[in-house]
Amino acid sequence: MLNETFSGKTFTGMTLNDEAISGCEFDSCIFENCDFSGAPVKESSFRDSSFINCSMKLVKLKNTSLRNVKFKGCRLNGINFSECSDSLFSVDFNECDLSFTSFDRKKMAKTVFDECLIKEAFFSETDLSGAVFNNCNMAGTSFNKVTLTGADFRTAFNYFMDPENNRIKNARFSIPGVLGLLYKYGIRVE
């Protein structure tokens, strides 16, 4: 798919494994039960669009713009979101598998992660101020120099972060979950 523009279109059951999407614009489009696994998506734009129950493992999003894009029930394993265009980057995730993803240097204030598996993901120098991690399993996820001011981790679990290496002022944690902030000190709470 090259240099095409789509508005208000619904794509159902489309398979693009290893096929390139380049220079395309998608405005208010819905992608449902599609398989983009391994597809290179470059210099394209997705605006006010939704991905529902899609497989997007190892998709390459080189210079691609994601503006107000919603992902629901998607497998997004191994995606490097830091390759996306920074201009108006805005995404939300509901019931998604975000294992092994990277969000380096992304501005993601107020992003909602709802009921997601965020296993061994990487956030470095990411702005997650006001982000919500609702009932998310964050086993092995790395936070490095991340702004988490006002972020909500009250129902998230299996997270570990160094409070000396991340900005966590006014972030919200639950009593059992807050132990993940003490992990680096080797403290045993019984």
Protein backbone atom coordinates (compact mmCIF):
# COMPACT_ATOMS: atom_id res chain seq x y z
CA MET A 1 0.00 0.00 0.00
CA LEU A 2 1.71 3.19 -1.15
CA ASN A 3 0.73 6.86 -1.00
CA GLU A 4 -3.00 6.35 -0.47
CA THR A 5 -5.47 8.33 1.66
CA PHE A 6 -8.37 6.72 3.53
CA SER A 7 -11.06 8.45 5.56
CA GLY A 8 -13.79 6.78 7.63
CA LYS A 9 -12.99 3.35 6.20
CA THR A 10 -13.24 0.05 8.11
CA PHE A 11 -10.67 -2.65 7.35
CA THR A 12 -11.64 -6.14 8.54
CA GLY A 13 -9.51 -9.31 8.42
CA MET A 14 -6.75 -7.68 6.35
CA THR A 15 -3.34 -9.42 6.37
CA LEU A 16 -0.21 -7.41 5.59
CA ASN A 17 2.58 -9.65 6.89
CA ASP A 18 5.84 -8.16 5.62
CA GLU A 19 3.98 -5.94 3.09
CA ALA A 20 4.93 -2.27 3.32
CA ILE A 21 2.62 0.62 4.06
CA SER A 22 4.37 3.80 3.00
CA GLY A 23 3.19 7.39 2.72
CA CYS A 24 -0.45 6.52 3.53
CA GLU A 25 -2.93 8.58 5.53
CA PHE A 26 -5.69 7.01 7.62
CA ASP A 27 -8.23 9.40 9.14
CA SER A 28 -11.02 8.07 11.39
CA CYS A 29 -10.42 4.50 10.22
CA ILE A 30 -11.11 1.23 12.05
CA PHE A 31 -8.88 -1.84 11.72
CA GLU A 32 -10.53 -4.97 13.08
CA ASN A 33 -9.05 -8.48 13.26
CA CYS A 34 -6.18 -7.45 10.99
CA ASP A 35 -2.68 -8.94 10.97
CA PHE A 36 0.15 -6.47 10.46
CA SER A 37 2.83 -8.71 12.02
CA GLY A 38 6.29 -7.75 10.79
CA ALA A 39 4.94 -5.17 8.33
CA PRO A 40 7.05 -2.05 7.79
CA VAL A 41 4.85 1.03 8.20
CA LYS A 42 6.78 4.15 7.31
CA GLU A 43 6.06 7.82 6.88
CA SER A 44 2.34 7.19 7.27
CA SER A 45 -0.29 8.87 9.43
CA PHE A 46 -3.06 7.41 11.59
CA ARG A 47 -5.45 10.02 13.01
CA ASP A 48 -8.52 9.39 15.21
CA SER A 49 -8.32 5.69 14.33
CA SER A 50 -8.87 2.42 16.21
CA PHE A 51 -7.22 -0.99 16.08
CA ILE A 52 -9.42 -3.76 17.49
CA ASN A 53 -8.17 -7.33 18.05
CA CYS A 54 -5.26 -6.84 15.66
CA SER A 55 -1.92 -8.63 15.64
CA MET A 56 0.86 -6.11 15.20
CA LYS A 57 3.87 -8.04 16.47
CA LEU A 58 7.21 -6.54 15.43
CA VAL A 59 5.61 -3.85 13.25
CA LYS A 60 8.13 -1.17 12.32
CA LEU A 61 6.63 2.31 12.63
CA LYS A 62 9.40 4.42 11.09
CA ASN A 63 8.43 8.12 11.07
CA THR A 64 4.76 7.17 11.37
CA SER A 65 2.34 9.51 13.11
CA LEU A 66 -0.12 8.15 15.68
CA ARG A 67 -2.58 10.88 16.71
CA ASN A 68 -5.45 9.94 18.98
CA VAL A 69 -5.11 6.23 18.15
CA LYS A 70 -6.86 3.60 20.29
CA PHE A 71 -5.73 -0.03 20.56
CA LYS A 72 -8.13 -2.60 22.02
CA GLY A 73 -7.34 -6.30 22.42
CA CYS A 74 -4.22 -6.02 20.23
CA ARG A 75 -0.93 -7.91 20.34
CA LEU A 76 1.74 -5.23 19.99
CA ASN A 77 4.79 -7.29 20.98
CA GLY A 78 8.24 -5.94 20.18
CA ILE A 79 7.14 -2.60 18.70
CA ASN A 80 9.58 0.28 19.04
CA PHE A 81 7.16 3.20 19.47
CA SER A 82 10.13 5.55 19.81
CA GLU A 83 10.50 5.35 16.01
CA CYS A 84 7.10 7.04 15.60
CA SER A 85 6.85 10.72 14.79
CA ASP A 86 6.78 12.82 17.96
CA SER A 87 4.30 15.30 16.47
CA LEU A 88 1.04 15.04 18.46
CA PHE A 89 1.79 11.43 19.48
CA SER A 90 -1.30 10.24 21.36
CA VAL A 91 -2.28 6.60 22.04
CA ASP A 92 -4.41 4.61 24.49
CA PHE A 93 -4.33 0.87 25.15
CA ASN A 94 -7.12 -1.39 26.40
CA GLU A 95 -6.61 -5.14 27.00
CA CYS A 96 -3.43 -5.15 24.90
CA ASP A 97 -0.23 -7.18 25.08
CA LEU A 98 2.61 -4.64 25.02
CA SER A 99 5.37 -7.07 25.96
CA PHE A 100 8.89 -6.17 24.82
CA THR A 101 7.82 -2.73 23.51
CA SER A 102 9.89 0.44 23.75
CA PHE A 103 8.65 3.97 24.43
CA ASP A 104 11.97 5.84 24.62
CA ARG A 105 11.66 9.63 24.82
CA LYS A 106 7.93 9.66 24.00
CA LYS A 107 5.63 12.32 25.42
CA MET A 108 2.72 10.24 26.69
CA ALA A 109 1.13 12.42 29.36
CA LYS A 110 -2.30 11.13 30.41
CA THR A 111 -1.99 7.95 28.34
CA VAL A 112 -4.32 5.20 29.57
CA PHE A 113 -3.10 1.62 29.83
CA ASP A 114 -6.17 -0.41 30.84
CA GLU A 115 -5.98 -4.14 31.64
CA CYS A 116 -2.70 -4.53 29.69
CA LEU A 117 0.21 -6.93 29.85
CA ILE A 118 3.30 -4.70 29.77
CA LYS A 119 5.97 -7.35 30.29
CA GLU A 120 9.63 -6.38 29.88
CA ALA A 121 8.75 -3.13 28.16
CA PHE A 122 11.16 -0.20 28.19
CA PHE A 123 10.37 3.39 29.18
CA SER A 124 13.40 5.68 29.07
CA GLU A 125 13.19 9.47 29.37
CA THR A 126 9.46 9.07 28.71
CA ASP A 127 6.91 11.61 29.93
CA LEU A 128 4.14 9.57 31.57
CA SER A 129 2.85 12.35 33.80
CA GLY A 130 -0.78 11.71 34.67
CA ALA A 131 -0.74 8.31 32.91
CA VAL A 132 -3.04 5.60 34.22
CA PHE A 133 -1.92 1.96 34.55
CA ASN A 134 -5.22 0.28 35.40
CA ASN A 135 -4.84 -3.38 36.39
CA CYS A 136 -1.68 -3.80 34.31
CA ASN A 137 0.89 -6.57 34.79
CA MET A 138 4.26 -4.83 34.43
CA ALA A 139 6.64 -7.72 35.18
CA GLY A 140 10.21 -6.90 34.17
CA THR A 141 9.35 -3.46 32.76
CA SER A 142 12.14 -0.91 32.99
CA PHE A 143 11.71 2.75 33.98
CA ASN A 144 14.78 4.92 33.38
CA LYS A 145 14.65 8.69 33.94
CA VAL A 146 10.88 8.67 33.41
CA THR A 147 8.54 11.47 34.46
CA LEU A 148 5.73 9.78 36.39
CA THR A 149 4.36 12.88 38.12
CA GLY A 150 0.74 12.21 39.03
CA ALA A 151 0.72 8.78 37.35
CA ASP A 152 -1.70 6.21 38.75
CA PHE A 153 -0.28 2.77 39.61
CA ARG A 154 -2.88 1.91 42.29
CA THR A 155 -4.11 -1.24 40.53
CA ALA A 156 -0.95 -2.07 38.56
CA PHE A 157 1.22 -4.92 39.77
CA ASN A 158 4.65 -6.55 39.35
CA TYR A 159 6.35 -3.21 38.71
CA PHE A 160 9.75 -2.21 40.03
CA MET A 161 11.22 1.26 39.66
CA ASP A 162 13.98 3.26 41.26
CA PRO A 163 12.45 6.36 42.90
CA GLU A 164 15.88 8.01 42.78
CA ASN A 165 16.12 7.59 38.99
CA ASN A 166 12.54 8.60 38.08
CA ARG A 167 10.30 11.54 38.92
CA ILE A 168 7.40 10.11 40.94
CA LYS A 169 6.06 13.17 42.77
CA ASN A 170 2.30 12.86 43.36
CA ALA A 171 2.20 9.45 41.66
CA ARG A 172 -0.34 7.14 43.27
CA PHE A 173 0.45 3.61 44.45
CA SER A 174 -1.42 0.98 46.43
CA ILE A 175 -0.06 -0.43 49.70
CA PRO A 176 1.12 -3.80 48.30
CA GLY A 177 2.31 -2.27 45.01
CA VAL A 178 4.45 0.43 46.63
CA LEU A 179 6.87 -2.33 47.65
CA GLY A 180 8.11 -2.23 44.04
CA LEU A 181 9.73 1.11 44.91
CA LEU A 182 11.82 -0.56 47.60
CA TYR A 183 13.08 -3.43 45.47
CA LYS A 184 16.50 -1.92 44.76
CA TYR A 185 17.25 -1.64 48.46
CA GLY A 186 16.92 -5.38 49.08
CA ILE A 187 14.43 -4.77 51.88
CA ARG A 188 12.23 -7.66 52.97
CA VAL A 189 8.75 -6.69 54.12
CA GLU A 190 6.87 -9.46 55.91
